[in-house]
Protein backbone atom coordinates (compact mmCIF):
# COMPACT_ATOMS: atom_id res chain seq x y z
CA UNK A 1 6.36 65.64 -65.64
CA UNK A 2 4.31 63.37 -63.38
CA UNK A 3 5.42 62.22 -59.98
CA UNK A 4 3.81 59.57 -57.79
CA UNK A 5 4.29 60.31 -54.13
CA UNK A 6 3.85 57.86 -51.18
CA UNK A 7 3.58 58.43 -47.48
CA UNK A 8 3.16 55.62 -44.88
CA UNK A 9 5.94 56.46 -42.46
CA UNK A 10 3.63 57.29 -39.48
CA UNK A 11 0.03 56.75 -38.37
CA UNK A 12 -1.49 57.71 -41.65
CA UNK A 13 -1.24 56.51 -45.29
CA UNK A 14 -1.49 58.67 -48.31
CA UNK A 15 -0.94 58.87 -52.05
CA UNK A 16 -0.58 61.84 -54.24
CA UNK A 17 0.10 62.41 -57.94
CA UNK A 18 1.33 65.72 -59.44
CA UNK A 19 1.39 66.70 -63.09
CA UNK A 20 3.86 69.69 -63.24
CA UNK A 21 2.69 71.96 -60.38
CA UNK A 22 -0.78 70.56 -60.38
CA UNK A 23 -2.05 68.11 -57.84
CA UNK A 24 -4.18 65.74 -59.93
CA UNK A 25 -4.90 63.05 -57.22
CA UNK A 26 -4.66 62.80 -53.39
CA UNK A 27 -6.07 60.37 -51.02
CA UNK A 28 -5.40 59.74 -47.35
CA UNK A 29 -6.35 56.75 -45.14
CA UNK A 30 -6.29 57.72 -41.36
CA UNK A 31 -6.80 54.37 -39.80
CA UNK A 32 -3.43 53.46 -37.83
CA UNK A 33 -1.37 50.51 -38.89
CA UNK A 34 -3.19 49.78 -42.08
CA UNK A 35 -0.42 50.74 -44.61
CA UNK A 36 0.26 47.17 -45.65
CA UNK A 37 -3.42 46.68 -46.80
CA UNK A 38 -4.06 50.07 -48.18
CA UNK A 39 -0.97 51.52 -49.99
CA UNK A 40 -1.19 49.32 -53.17
CA UNK A 41 -4.85 49.73 -53.79
CA UNK A 42 -4.55 53.45 -53.19
CA UNK A 43 -1.74 53.60 -55.91
CA UNK A 44 -3.74 51.64 -58.25
CA UNK A 45 -6.67 54.07 -57.71
CA UNK A 46 -4.51 57.09 -58.14
CA UNK A 47 -3.35 55.73 -61.65
CA UNK A 48 -6.82 54.84 -62.68
CA UNK A 49 -8.60 57.98 -61.57
CA UNK A 50 -5.95 60.17 -63.15
CA UNK A 51 -5.79 58.11 -66.31
CA UNK A 52 -2.06 57.73 -65.75
CA UNK A 53 0.11 54.66 -66.78
CA UNK A 54 3.49 53.80 -65.32
CA UNK A 55 5.14 54.93 -68.57
CA UNK A 56 3.71 58.47 -68.00
CA UNK A 57 5.42 58.78 -64.69
CA UNK A 58 8.86 60.52 -64.35
CA UNK A 59 9.66 59.27 -60.90
CA UNK A 60 8.34 57.84 -57.65
CA UNK A 61 8.83 59.89 -54.47
CA UNK A 62 8.39 58.51 -50.93
CA UNK A 63 8.96 59.56 -47.26
CA UNK A 64 12.06 57.86 -46.13
CA UNK A 65 11.65 58.47 -42.48
CA UNK A 66 12.17 59.03 -39.65
CA UNK A 67 9.02 57.53 -38.43
CA UNK A 68 7.49 54.26 -37.27
CA UNK A 69 9.87 51.42 -38.06
CA UNK A 70 7.26 49.34 -39.95
CA UNK A 71 5.67 52.26 -41.68
CA UNK A 72 9.09 53.54 -42.97
CA UNK A 73 10.00 50.00 -44.09
CA UNK A 74 6.74 49.51 -45.99
CA UNK A 75 7.15 52.86 -47.74
CA UNK A 76 10.67 52.08 -48.86
CA UNK A 77 10.00 48.40 -49.83
CA UNK A 78 6.95 49.46 -52.02
CA UNK A 79 8.87 52.16 -53.64
CA UNK A 80 11.78 50.05 -54.43
CA UNK A 81 9.58 47.36 -55.97
CA UNK A 82 7.50 49.71 -58.16
CA UNK A 83 10.63 51.48 -59.27
CA UNK A 84 12.46 48.40 -60.20
CA UNK A 85 9.42 46.90 -62.08
CA UNK A 86 8.75 50.16 -64.12
CA UNK A 87 12.27 51.43 -64.50
CA UNK A 88 11.82 54.64 -62.64
CA UNK A 89 14.05 56.87 -60.65
CA UNK A 90 13.35 57.54 -57.03
CA UNK A 91 13.22 60.69 -54.92
CA UNK A 92 13.62 60.09 -51.14
CA UNK A 93 12.11 62.86 -49.08
CA UNK A 94 12.54 63.47 -45.38
CA UNK A 95 9.40 62.89 -43.39
CA UNK A 96 10.31 65.89 -41.11
CA UNK A 97 10.73 68.15 -44.23
CA UNK A 98 7.28 67.11 -45.54
CA UNK A 99 5.74 67.94 -42.12
CA UNK A 100 7.44 71.38 -42.34
CA UNK A 101 6.30 71.82 -45.90
CA UNK A 102 2.66 71.18 -44.82
CA UNK A 103 3.04 73.83 -42.04
CA UNK A 104 4.13 76.38 -44.71
CA UNK A 105 1.31 75.29 -47.24
CA UNK A 106 -1.47 75.25 -44.65
CA UNK A 107 -0.35 77.84 -42.04
CA UNK A 108 1.95 80.05 -43.99
CA UNK A 109 4.84 79.32 -41.48
CA UNK A 110 8.17 80.18 -42.97
CA UNK A 111 10.20 78.71 -40.03
CA UNK A 112 9.14 75.72 -38.01
CA UNK A 113 10.56 73.12 -35.68
CA UNK A 114 9.24 69.70 -36.68
CA UNK A 115 8.78 67.02 -34.06
CA UNK A 116 7.58 63.50 -34.30
CA UNK A 117 6.87 61.14 -31.35
CA UNK A 118 9.71 58.45 -31.54
CA UNK A 119 8.37 56.51 -28.50
CA UNK A 120 10.71 55.65 -25.51
CA UNK A 121 10.72 59.26 -24.30
CA UNK A 122 12.27 60.51 -27.36
CA UNK A 123 11.30 62.61 -30.40
CA UNK A 124 12.53 62.98 -33.95
CA UNK A 125 13.53 66.66 -34.29
CA UNK A 126 14.60 69.15 -36.99
CA UNK A 127 14.24 72.73 -37.79
CA UNK A 128 13.38 74.14 -41.13
CA UNK A 129 13.27 77.61 -42.95
CA UNK A 130 11.69 78.40 -46.28
CA UNK A 131 14.07 78.90 -49.24
CA UNK A 132 13.58 81.21 -52.29
CA UNK A 133 11.75 78.44 -54.26
CA UNK A 134 9.12 77.93 -51.66
CA UNK A 135 10.56 74.62 -50.17
CA UNK A 136 11.23 74.17 -46.49
CA UNK A 137 15.03 73.29 -46.07
CA UNK A 138 16.57 71.88 -42.83
CA UNK A 139 18.59 74.19 -40.53
CA UNK A 140 21.11 72.04 -38.87
CA UNK A 141 20.35 68.33 -38.93
CA UNK A 142 17.63 65.77 -38.14
CA UNK A 143 18.13 64.31 -34.75
CA UNK A 144 16.73 61.75 -32.26
CA UNK A 145 16.61 63.59 -28.92
CA UNK A 146 15.18 63.02 -25.50
CA UNK A 147 12.35 65.43 -24.42
CA UNK A 148 14.75 67.47 -22.32
CA UNK A 149 17.33 67.74 -25.10
CA UNK A 150 14.61 68.78 -27.64
CA UNK A 151 13.20 71.51 -25.52
CA UNK A 152 16.44 73.29 -25.22
CA UNK A 153 16.83 73.35 -28.96
CA UNK A 154 13.54 74.70 -30.11
CA UNK A 155 13.92 77.85 -32.25
CA UNK A 156 10.58 78.11 -34.13
CA UNK A 157 6.92 77.34 -33.80
CA UNK A 158 6.68 73.70 -33.14
CA UNK A 159 4.43 71.23 -35.30
CA UNK A 160 4.05 67.52 -35.37
CA UNK A 161 2.84 64.67 -33.22
CA UNK A 162 5.59 65.24 -30.73
CA UNK A 163 4.80 68.94 -29.99
CA UNK A 164 2.54 68.27 -26.98
CA UNK A 165 5.18 65.95 -25.54
CA UNK A 166 7.47 68.96 -25.25
CA UNK A 167 4.90 71.18 -23.72
CA UNK A 168 4.00 73.02 -26.88
CA UNK A 169 0.60 73.39 -28.46
CA UNK A 170 0.87 71.80 -31.93
CA UNK A 171 -1.22 73.07 -34.95
CA UNK A 172 -3.81 70.38 -34.62
CA UNK A 173 -4.17 69.66 -38.34
CA UNK A 174 -0.40 69.32 -38.73
CA UNK A 175 0.56 66.08 -36.83
CA UNK A 176 1.90 63.95 -39.67
CA UNK A 177 3.32 64.40 -43.16
CA UNK A 178 1.34 63.55 -46.11
CA UNK A 179 2.00 62.65 -49.82
CA UNK A 180 0.96 66.03 -51.23
CA UNK A 181 3.87 67.61 -49.50
CA UNK A 182 6.16 64.70 -50.42
CA UNK A 183 5.22 65.38 -54.01
CA UNK A 184 5.82 69.18 -53.85
CA UNK A 185 9.26 68.71 -52.40
CA UNK A 186 10.01 65.93 -54.90
CA UNK A 187 9.09 68.18 -57.86
CA UNK A 188 11.83 70.65 -56.75
CA UNK A 189 14.36 67.82 -56.27
CA UNK A 190 13.63 66.37 -59.62
CA UNK A 191 14.34 69.62 -61.39
CA UNK A 192 17.57 69.72 -59.72
CA UNK A 193 18.47 66.26 -60.72
CA UNK A 194 18.25 64.81 -57.29
CA UNK A 195 17.01 61.28 -58.02
CA UNK A 196 18.47 57.80 -57.16
CA UNK A 197 18.04 54.38 -58.47
CA UNK A 198 15.57 51.95 -56.92
CA UNK A 199 18.29 50.22 -54.85
CA UNK A 200 19.07 53.48 -53.15
CA UNK A 201 15.54 54.02 -51.90
CA UNK A 202 16.55 53.42 -48.49
CA UNK A 203 14.78 54.23 -45.23
CA UNK A 204 16.19 56.59 -42.57
CA UNK A 205 15.38 55.57 -38.92
CA UNK A 206 17.72 57.83 -36.96
CA UNK A 207 17.65 55.30 -34.12
CA UNK A 208 20.47 52.91 -35.18
CA UNK A 209 18.98 49.85 -33.47
CA UNK A 210 15.43 50.47 -34.46
CA UNK A 211 15.12 46.88 -35.63
CA UNK A 212 15.68 45.57 -32.13
CA UNK A 213 12.96 44.84 -29.62
CA UNK A 214 12.54 47.48 -26.88
CA UNK A 215 13.98 45.13 -24.27
CA UNK A 216 17.11 44.69 -26.37
CA UNK A 217 17.46 48.42 -26.92
CA UNK A 218 17.33 48.96 -23.23
CA UNK A 219 20.00 46.29 -22.65
CA UNK A 220 22.33 47.81 -25.39
CA UNK A 221 21.95 51.25 -23.77
CA UNK A 222 22.69 50.17 -20.19
């Protein structure tokens, strides 16, 4: 079972390929706002270097958000197109969940509060705890919160790009999700039959009016 995993929902862009439980390819590109130029060449390189064809893949996994509007949209659009073209199922993974999974993988944290900067004095926020299969699962729900609201709800060690905004010291290596953790979560989801068709590879923004300009958002909230 091979799964191709894509992550471009925030500052970084990464691609991973797993074969069973083994990570056979991982690449990360750290330059901000370069997802459009980098994601397809990175996918091509992943397949070439691992000697994998599209027919070898069992599914495509992607980070469905929350995150930057353009980054989440790019990730969903690329996943949809590739899944349609190659008749592959899709696994949509929360960006916050992947961030929490990285905290477990790198730091051994079994409970975390994952926080990403959502701009406009807000953060994307969710809390996670490890299950028996070694996968971080959400406790409660993912939310878009003001700084003050988020501070009152923190239960666990805080990780992610929004941690310092709330006055917490973030684990410096764990600021954004990456495709390796998308792949690990997707593997567990695939075994449970949690896949969708290409047309259901939809982004999750949490902010209902994410597509509007900031000036329009301010008007709609006043």
